[in-house]
Protein backbone atom coordinates (compact mmCIF):
# COMPACT_ATOMS: atom_id res chain seq x y z
CA UNK A 1 -8.48 -1.60 -24.01
CA UNK A 2 -7.59 -1.50 -27.68
CA UNK A 3 -6.20 2.04 -27.49
CA UNK A 4 -2.83 1.86 -25.75
CA UNK A 5 -1.96 5.57 -25.87
CA UNK A 6 -0.36 6.57 -22.58
CA UNK A 7 -2.25 8.81 -20.15
CA UNK A 8 0.48 10.88 -18.55
CA UNK A 9 -1.39 11.91 -15.40
CA UNK A 10 -4.54 11.39 -13.36
CA UNK A 11 -6.09 14.59 -14.69
CA UNK A 12 -6.31 12.98 -18.13
CA UNK A 13 -8.19 10.00 -16.67
CA UNK A 14 -10.98 12.32 -15.55
CA UNK A 15 -11.33 13.95 -18.97
CA UNK A 16 -10.24 11.27 -21.47
CA UNK A 17 -12.57 9.80 -24.08
CA UNK A 18 -12.48 6.61 -26.12
CA UNK A 19 -14.35 6.54 -29.45
CA UNK A 20 -16.03 9.77 -28.38
CA UNK A 21 -17.28 8.40 -25.06
CA UNK A 22 -16.20 9.69 -21.67
CA UNK A 23 -14.24 7.16 -19.60
CA UNK A 24 -16.63 6.82 -16.67
CA UNK A 25 -15.48 3.36 -15.52
CA UNK A 26 -11.75 2.72 -15.17
CA UNK A 27 -9.87 -0.33 -13.89
CA UNK A 28 -6.40 0.67 -12.67
CA UNK A 29 -3.88 -2.12 -12.22
CA UNK A 30 -0.33 -2.06 -10.96
CA UNK A 31 2.21 -4.23 -9.19
CA UNK A 32 2.87 -3.91 -5.47
CA UNK A 33 4.34 -0.54 -4.58
CA UNK A 34 3.37 1.37 -7.73
CA UNK A 35 1.21 3.75 -5.71
CA UNK A 36 -2.28 2.35 -6.17
CA UNK A 37 -3.51 3.14 -2.65
CA UNK A 38 -1.66 6.46 -2.69
CA UNK A 39 -3.57 7.33 -5.85
CA UNK A 40 -6.99 6.87 -4.26
CA UNK A 41 -5.92 8.72 -1.11
CA UNK A 42 -4.54 11.59 -3.14
CA UNK A 43 -7.69 11.95 -5.24
CA UNK A 44 -9.92 11.98 -2.16
CA UNK A 45 -7.65 14.38 -0.26
CA UNK A 46 -7.27 16.71 -3.24
CA UNK A 47 -11.03 16.86 -3.71
CA UNK A 48 -11.65 17.52 0.00
CA UNK A 49 -9.02 20.23 0.54
CA UNK A 50 -8.31 22.07 -2.71
CA UNK A 51 -10.06 24.87 -4.51
CA UNK A 52 -9.34 27.16 -7.43
CA UNK A 53 -8.41 30.09 -5.21
CA UNK A 54 -5.71 28.36 -3.15
CA UNK A 55 -4.22 25.64 -5.34
CA UNK A 56 -0.87 25.85 -7.14
CA UNK A 57 -1.20 26.89 -10.82
CA UNK A 58 0.21 23.52 -11.94
CA UNK A 59 -2.68 21.78 -10.16
CA UNK A 60 -5.46 24.13 -11.28
CA UNK A 61 -6.91 21.99 -14.08
CA UNK A 62 -6.69 18.89 -11.89
CA UNK A 63 -8.66 20.61 -9.12
CA UNK A 64 -11.25 21.94 -11.57
CA UNK A 65 -11.81 18.40 -12.85
CA UNK A 66 -12.31 17.11 -9.31
CA UNK A 67 -14.55 19.98 -8.27
CA UNK A 68 -17.21 18.81 -10.71
CA UNK A 69 -17.97 16.05 -8.20
CA UNK A 70 -20.36 16.80 -5.35
CA UNK A 71 -19.38 13.59 -3.56
CA UNK A 72 -16.26 11.40 -3.57
CA UNK A 73 -16.34 8.00 -1.85
CA UNK A 74 -12.95 6.32 -1.21
CA UNK A 75 -13.66 2.75 -0.11
CA UNK A 76 -11.26 0.05 1.08
CA UNK A 77 -12.47 -3.16 -0.54
CA UNK A 78 -10.64 -5.43 1.88
CA UNK A 79 -13.03 -4.16 4.57
CA UNK A 80 -16.13 -5.25 2.67
CA UNK A 81 -18.14 -7.80 4.61
CA UNK A 82 -20.20 -10.79 3.47
CA UNK A 83 -23.72 -9.87 2.32
CA UNK A 84 -22.91 -6.17 2.57
CA UNK A 85 -24.26 -3.88 -0.15
CA UNK A 86 -22.69 -0.68 -1.45
CA UNK A 87 -24.45 1.57 1.02
CA UNK A 88 -23.72 -0.65 3.99
CA UNK A 89 -20.04 -0.34 3.02
CA UNK A 90 -20.28 3.45 2.81
CA UNK A 91 -21.99 3.82 6.17
CA UNK A 92 -19.59 1.33 7.76
CA UNK A 93 -16.42 3.00 6.47
CA UNK A 94 -17.33 6.64 5.95
CA UNK A 95 -20.75 7.84 7.10
CA UNK A 96 -22.00 5.86 10.12
CA UNK A 97 -24.78 8.32 10.91
CA UNK A 98 -26.36 8.39 7.45
CA UNK A 99 -28.95 5.79 6.47
CA UNK A 100 -28.27 3.69 3.41
CA UNK A 101 -31.61 4.57 1.81
CA UNK A 102 -31.10 8.29 2.38
CA UNK A 103 -27.68 8.04 0.74
CA UNK A 104 -29.02 5.98 -2.18
CA UNK A 105 -31.70 8.57 -2.91
CA UNK A 106 -29.20 11.41 -2.83
CA UNK A 107 -26.70 9.69 -5.13
CA UNK A 108 -29.46 8.67 -7.55
CA UNK A 109 -30.45 12.33 -7.91
CA UNK A 110 -26.85 13.49 -8.55
CA UNK A 111 -25.22 10.36 -10.03
CA UNK A 112 -23.20 12.22 -12.65
CA UNK A 113 -21.51 14.24 -9.92
CA UNK A 114 -20.33 11.31 -7.80
CA UNK A 115 -16.90 9.68 -7.92
CA UNK A 116 -16.34 6.22 -6.42
CA UNK A 117 -12.79 5.05 -5.66
CA UNK A 118 -12.59 1.33 -4.89
CA UNK A 119 -9.13 0.39 -3.62
CA UNK A 120 -8.01 -3.23 -3.38
CA UNK A 121 -10.14 -5.42 -5.64
CA UNK A 122 -7.37 -8.02 -5.41
CA UNK A 123 -7.73 -7.95 -1.61
CA UNK A 124 -11.48 -8.51 -1.73
CA UNK A 125 -12.74 -11.51 0.17
CA UNK A 126 -15.95 -13.35 -0.64
CA UNK A 127 -18.16 -10.29 -1.30
CA UNK A 128 -17.80 -9.48 -4.99
CA UNK A 129 -21.31 -8.14 -5.64
CA UNK A 130 -20.96 -4.50 -4.57
CA UNK A 131 -19.61 -3.34 -7.93
CA UNK A 132 -22.74 -4.75 -9.58
CA UNK A 133 -24.96 -2.11 -7.98
CA UNK A 134 -26.92 -0.45 -10.79
CA UNK A 135 -26.45 2.96 -9.21
CA UNK A 136 -22.76 2.89 -10.20
CA UNK A 137 -23.70 2.95 -13.88
CA UNK A 138 -24.26 6.71 -13.73
CA UNK A 139 -21.25 7.49 -11.54
CA UNK A 140 -17.57 7.91 -12.32
CA UNK A 141 -15.92 4.76 -10.94
CA UNK A 142 -12.25 3.90 -10.50
CA UNK A 143 -11.35 0.39 -9.30
CA UNK A 144 -7.80 -0.46 -8.17
CA UNK A 145 -6.29 -3.97 -8.35
CA UNK A 146 -3.13 -5.98 -8.70
CA UNK A 147 -2.65 -7.41 -12.24
CA UNK A 148 -3.29 -11.01 -11.19
CA UNK A 149 -7.00 -10.24 -10.66
CA UNK A 150 -7.65 -8.53 -14.01
CA UNK A 151 -9.01 -11.64 -15.72
CA UNK A 152 -11.29 -12.36 -12.76
CA UNK A 153 -12.56 -8.78 -12.85
CA UNK A 154 -13.17 -8.83 -16.60
CA UNK A 155 -15.16 -12.04 -16.27
CA UNK A 156 -17.51 -10.32 -13.81
CA UNK A 157 -17.77 -6.74 -15.06
CA UNK A 158 -18.02 -5.08 -18.46
CA UNK A 159 -17.48 -1.54 -19.69
CA UNK A 160 -14.27 -0.77 -17.78
CA UNK A 161 -11.33 0.79 -19.57
CA UNK A 162 -8.02 -0.55 -18.27
CA UNK A 163 -5.16 1.70 -17.15
CA UNK A 164 -1.78 0.31 -16.10
CA UNK A 165 0.39 1.95 -13.44
CA UNK A 166 3.92 1.14 -14.57
CA UNK A 167 5.87 2.70 -11.71
CA UNK A 168 8.80 5.11 -11.92
CA UNK A 169 10.81 5.59 -15.07
CA UNK A 170 14.59 5.97 -14.75
CA UNK A 171 14.16 9.74 -14.97
CA UNK A 172 11.53 9.66 -12.21
CA UNK A 173 13.85 7.61 -10.00
CA UNK A 174 16.58 10.21 -10.42
CA UNK A 175 14.12 13.01 -9.62
CA UNK A 176 12.86 11.21 -6.50
CA UNK A 177 16.40 10.58 -5.28
CA UNK A 178 17.34 14.23 -5.92
CA UNK A 179 14.39 15.45 -3.87
CA UNK A 180 15.18 12.99 -1.08
CA UNK A 181 18.85 13.96 -0.90
CA UNK A 182 18.01 17.68 -1.04
CA UNK A 183 15.69 17.23 1.94
CA UNK A 184 18.48 15.52 3.87
CA UNK A 185 20.94 18.29 2.98
CA UNK A 186 18.56 20.91 4.35
CA UNK A 187 18.53 19.09 7.68
CA UNK A 188 22.31 19.19 7.92
CA UNK A 189 23.77 22.11 9.85
CA UNK A 190 27.03 23.42 11.28
CA UNK A 191 30.19 21.38 11.35
CA UNK A 192 28.50 18.20 10.16
CA UNK A 193 27.51 19.95 6.96
CA UNK A 194 31.04 21.23 6.42
CA UNK A 195 32.47 17.76 6.95
CA UNK A 196 30.03 16.27 4.46
CA UNK A 197 30.89 18.96 1.91
CA UNK A 198 34.55 17.94 2.23
CA UNK A 199 33.52 14.33 1.63
CA UNK A 200 31.65 15.34 -1.51
CA UNK A 201 34.87 16.70 -2.95
CA UNK A 202 36.57 13.38 -2.29
CA UNK A 203 33.66 11.41 -3.84
CA UNK A 204 33.39 9.31 -0.67
CA UNK A 205 30.06 10.82 0.36
CA UNK A 206 26.96 8.71 0.71
CA UNK A 207 24.79 11.80 1.18
CA UNK A 208 24.58 12.77 -2.48
CA UNK A 209 22.45 11.83 -5.43
CA UNK A 210 25.19 10.20 -7.48
CA UNK A 211 26.28 7.98 -4.61
CA UNK A 212 22.77 6.69 -3.98
CA UNK A 213 22.07 6.14 -7.67
CA UNK A 214 25.36 4.26 -7.97
CA UNK A 215 24.38 2.11 -4.99
CA UNK A 216 20.99 1.40 -6.59
CA UNK A 217 22.68 0.10 -9.72
CA UNK A 218 24.98 -2.28 -7.85
CA UNK A 219 22.31 -4.93 -7.30
CA UNK A 220 19.90 -6.01 -10.02
CA UNK A 221 17.21 -6.95 -7.51
CA UNK A 222 17.28 -3.62 -5.70
CA UNK A 223 17.41 -1.73 -8.99
CA UNK A 224 14.27 -3.49 -10.19
CA UNK A 225 12.50 -2.59 -6.94
CA UNK A 226 13.39 1.10 -7.28
CA UNK A 227 10.84 1.50 -10.08
CA UNK A 228 8.10 1.16 -7.46
CA UNK A 229 7.43 4.22 -5.32
CA UNK A 230 6.93 2.35 -2.04
CA UNK A 231 10.13 0.38 -2.49
CA UNK A 232 12.18 3.40 -3.56
CA UNK A 233 11.08 5.31 -0.47
CA UNK A 234 12.10 2.35 1.70
CA UNK A 235 15.43 2.06 -0.13
CA UNK A 236 16.21 5.74 0.39
CA UNK A 237 15.46 5.56 4.12
CA UNK A 238 17.60 2.44 4.58
CA UNK A 239 20.44 3.95 2.59
CA UNK A 240 20.27 7.09 4.72
CA UNK A 241 20.55 5.00 7.89
CA UNK A 242 23.12 2.38 6.86
CA UNK A 243 25.04 3.99 3.99
CA UNK A 244 24.58 0.75 2.06
CA UNK A 245 21.81 -1.44 0.68
CA UNK A 246 21.07 -5.14 1.19
CA UNK A 247 21.32 -7.50 -1.74
CA UNK A 248 17.95 -9.22 -1.28
CA UNK A 249 14.31 -8.21 -0.94
CA UNK A 250 13.96 -9.95 2.43
CA UNK A 251 17.10 -8.16 3.64
CA UNK A 252 15.48 -4.86 2.69
CA UNK A 253 12.33 -5.65 4.70
CA UNK A 254 14.40 -6.77 7.70
CA UNK A 255 16.17 -3.42 7.67
CA UNK A 256 12.92 -1.48 7.22
CA UNK A 257 11.43 -3.18 10.28
CA UNK A 258 14.63 -2.47 12.19
CA UNK A 259 14.33 1.17 11.18
CA UNK A 260 10.70 1.31 12.34
CA UNK A 261 11.71 -0.31 15.64
CA UNK A 262 14.53 2.16 16.24
CA UNK A 263 12.11 4.98 15.53
CA UNK A 264 9.69 3.58 18.12
CA UNK A 265 12.50 3.20 20.65
CA UNK A 266 13.52 6.82 20.17
CA UNK A 267 9.91 7.94 20.59
CA UNK A 268 9.61 5.92 23.79
CA UNK A 269 13.00 7.20 25.03
CA UNK A 270 14.22 3.63 25.50
CA UNK A 271 17.68 3.40 27.08
CA UNK A 272 18.34 -0.09 25.68
CA UNK A 273 20.47 -0.64 22.61
CA UNK A 274 18.73 -2.11 19.60
CA UNK A 275 20.57 -5.42 20.13
CA UNK A 276 19.33 -5.58 23.73
CA UNK A 277 15.82 -4.59 22.68
CA UNK A 278 15.76 -7.23 19.93
CA UNK A 279 16.61 -9.95 22.46
CA UNK A 280 14.29 -8.51 25.11
CA UNK A 281 11.17 -8.67 22.93
CA UNK A 282 12.11 -11.80 20.90
CA UNK A 283 12.08 -9.69 17.74
CA UNK A 284 12.12 -12.45 15.12
CA UNK A 285 9.80 -14.67 17.16
CA UNK A 286 7.11 -11.98 17.20
CA UNK A 287 7.26 -11.69 13.41
CA UNK A 288 7.04 -15.49 13.12
CA UNK A 289 4.04 -15.69 15.48
CA UNK A 290 2.29 -12.92 13.55
CA UNK A 291 3.23 -14.80 10.40
CA UNK A 292 1.41 -17.99 11.42
CA UNK A 293 -1.95 -16.27 11.67
CA UNK A 294 -1.40 -14.27 8.52
CA UNK A 295 -0.19 -17.26 6.48
CA UNK A 296 -3.35 -19.12 7.49
CA UNK A 297 -5.30 -16.09 6.28
CA UNK A 298 -3.48 -15.93 2.96
CA UNK A 299 -3.65 -19.67 2.24
CA UNK A 300 -6.82 -20.98 3.87
CA UNK A 301 -9.09 -17.95 4.12
CA UNK A 302 -9.19 -16.45 0.62
CA UNK A 303 -6.25 -14.05 1.11
CA UNK A 304 -7.59 -12.64 4.36
CA UNK A 305 -6.02 -9.27 5.14
CA UNK A 306 -7.96 -7.96 8.15
CA UNK A 307 -8.00 -9.96 11.37
CA UNK A 308 -9.70 -9.64 14.70
CA UNK A 309 -7.38 -9.28 17.64
CA UNK A 310 -8.41 -12.58 19.23
CA UNK A 311 -7.23 -14.51 16.15
CA UNK A 312 -3.65 -14.00 17.27
CA UNK A 313 -2.04 -15.95 20.11
CA UNK A 314 -2.34 -13.04 22.52
CA UNK A 315 -3.04 -9.33 22.68
CA UNK A 316 0.56 -9.01 23.91
CA UNK A 317 1.83 -10.20 20.52
CA UNK A 318 -0.43 -7.73 18.74
CA UNK A 319 0.78 -4.87 20.95
CA UNK A 320 4.39 -5.82 20.26
CA UNK A 321 3.67 -5.92 16.54
CA UNK A 322 2.18 -2.44 16.78
CA UNK A 323 5.30 -1.29 18.64
CA UNK A 324 7.46 -2.60 15.81
CA UNK A 325 5.33 -0.65 13.37
CA UNK A 326 4.44 -3.71 11.31
CA UNK A 327 0.72 -3.81 12.15
CA UNK A 328 -1.92 -1.41 13.37
CA UNK A 329 -5.21 -1.68 15.24
CA UNK A 330 -8.44 0.13 14.58
CA UNK A 331 -11.91 -0.17 16.01
CA UNK A 332 -15.09 -0.43 13.98
CA UNK A 333 -18.72 -0.74 14.97
CA UNK A 334 -20.78 -3.63 13.62
CA UNK A 335 -24.34 -3.24 14.71
CA UNK A 336 -24.09 -2.80 18.47
CA UNK A 337 -20.67 -4.46 18.75
CA UNK A 338 -17.31 -2.73 18.83
CA UNK A 339 -14.66 -4.80 17.04
CA UNK A 340 -10.88 -4.37 17.13
CA UNK A 341 -9.36 -5.11 13.72
CA UNK A 342 -5.70 -5.80 13.06
CA UNK A 343 -4.04 -5.20 9.70
CA UNK A 344 -0.52 -4.81 8.34
CA UNK A 345 0.81 -1.45 7.19
CA UNK A 346 1.09 -2.93 3.69
CA UNK A 347 0.20 -6.30 2.23
CA UNK A 348 3.89 -7.02 1.50
CA UNK A 349 4.67 -6.81 5.23
CA UNK A 350 2.00 -9.43 5.88
CA UNK A 351 3.57 -11.58 3.16
CA UNK A 352 7.02 -11.03 4.70
CA UNK A 353 5.88 -12.23 8.15
CA UNK A 354 4.03 -15.16 6.58
CA UNK A 355 7.26 -16.09 4.78
CA UNK A 356 9.23 -15.93 8.04
CA UNK A 357 6.83 -18.41 9.60
CA UNK A 358 6.92 -20.65 6.52
CA UNK A 359 10.74 -20.63 6.51
CA UNK A 360 10.80 -21.49 10.23
CA UNK A 361 8.78 -24.64 9.49
CA UNK A 362 11.61 -26.00 7.36
CA UNK A 363 13.47 -26.69 10.60
CA UNK A 364 10.58 -27.29 12.99
CA UNK A 365 7.81 -29.03 11.03
CA UNK A 366 8.54 -30.01 7.43
CA UNK A 367 5.20 -31.80 7.05
CA UNK A 368 3.32 -28.60 7.86
CA UNK A 369 5.62 -26.66 5.55
CA UNK A 370 4.87 -28.98 2.63
CA UNK A 371 1.15 -28.77 3.42
CA UNK A 372 1.18 -24.98 3.19
CA UNK A 373 3.20 -24.98 -0.04
CA UNK A 374 0.85 -27.50 -1.65
CA UNK A 375 -2.05 -25.10 -1.11
CA UNK A 376 -0.30 -22.06 -2.56
CA UNK A 377 -1.08 -20.52 -5.91
CA UNK A 378 2.39 -19.46 -7.17
CA UNK A 379 0.97 -16.32 -8.77
CA UNK A 380 -1.05 -15.16 -5.77
CA UNK A 381 1.69 -16.12 -3.29
CA UNK A 382 4.66 -14.90 -5.33
CA UNK A 383 6.00 -12.56 -2.64
CA UNK A 384 5.65 -15.13 0.16
CA UNK A 385 7.62 -17.68 -1.83
CA UNK A 386 10.32 -15.16 -2.77
CA UNK A 387 10.73 -13.97 0.80
CA UNK A 388 10.89 -17.49 2.23
CA UNK A 389 13.51 -18.67 -0.27
CA UNK A 390 16.00 -15.85 0.33
């Protein structure tokens, strides 16, 4: 896009023009954790639940812009299947009881009032034809991708204006931390609150904005991650639990998984300590076993992100992974068959487990390790390589 003027919010995307033309097709790119999936979820949720009578005044114009759409389709591109067209994808993900032809006819008659949100172009497998459907020409379309797939996208599709999600500014980081700390303060009651207030006066407190911001600035790596909303949320939770932050990205993910595990243990009323639980379930070994299947998917199967349960060594491993909070299961219907799919809570967690498996091969099977590395595209596999080297 030749015009590089910043669009300050999503509302402007829905109303902006370029050379007098409305921006009906937008390609949104952003690095991991900048809120790409959150953006599509928010747009769909806001459209489905808000109206002019009940929304906050600050959101009024945003809601009015969304209300012009009769239909909003939020589609996960990683779930697209081979030889599937646009309407097969819609019925598979959103409207299983509506026929594709019926839907096509309806959208064709109201194309200008339909918004399509395609999340995860970079996670798309072999089916890259859905966006070529002529019916999309008359609809507002927003496609989400990581930056490394922009050139590929531009070689296939024309007429898309590019918008870059840059993550949090320093001011936004400070605002986020302030809101997070305020929420924690509201949960503090009685004597504990009084004790913490005393600590504030002595500047030893970890439960205050300045302390957390100071901790963020201690490590260059963690500071760089804090510009991404997903990472900053993880950092805040880990800081709340441990009163300190790790110095590496892999250390951060280890502590996040530990946090998720402790949360599961509390929910299950487990009487074991975390150390006992970690030994009992072979904590690291489960992540490594999950990592083998997922590394094969990333390297040999065109960055595969959704797996069927039987692709893993056992359903027991999958259940343990779900207990740890690293993966989730969901069932879909394909024709007359019911299929259980397994996916990670975020692509970076899949890359983290894949890296754990790759690192384990350094000691157990160096030939296999070298074979995997030789197949890796450094750009596509950046996170796997970073995780495995730390």
